[in-house]
Amino acid sequence: MKVKIQNPKATLVTIPGGNSITASVPSNSSNSASPQVIYKRYAIRNRSLVWTIKHNQNTDRFIAFLRDESGNQFNALIKTLDNKTMQIVLTQAAKGFVDVIFDISNAPVIDIV
């Protein structure tokens, strides 16, 4: 996926497997700081219907990319339990990994372009 940076105060994040996103402070925002994002990969080594990830990033603002053990991307229900924990509910037991980009900025809203 190619990403066009629409804001000079933007952060480009590339995820293993070729995905990229740009996080940017909206142009109508009074916040002049660039967005601050953290990328983490979490491996789920045991087959399960529910993946619980304790990320301890102190935010509930994130985007997650789910992959099975073969590296195929899939969708599932993602619940935010609190600002340090997320839960992913699958329709069938699986193992794999989750690539997560956390927004830890003070911006009121972060656009994912």
Foldseek 3Di string as FASTA:
>chain_A
DDDDDPDPLWDWDADPPGDIKIKAQDPPFPDPHRWDKDKDKFWFDFWDQKDKDQAQLQAPDKDKWWAFQVGDTDDFDWADPGSGMIMTGHPGTTTGMMIMMHTPDPRPDIDID
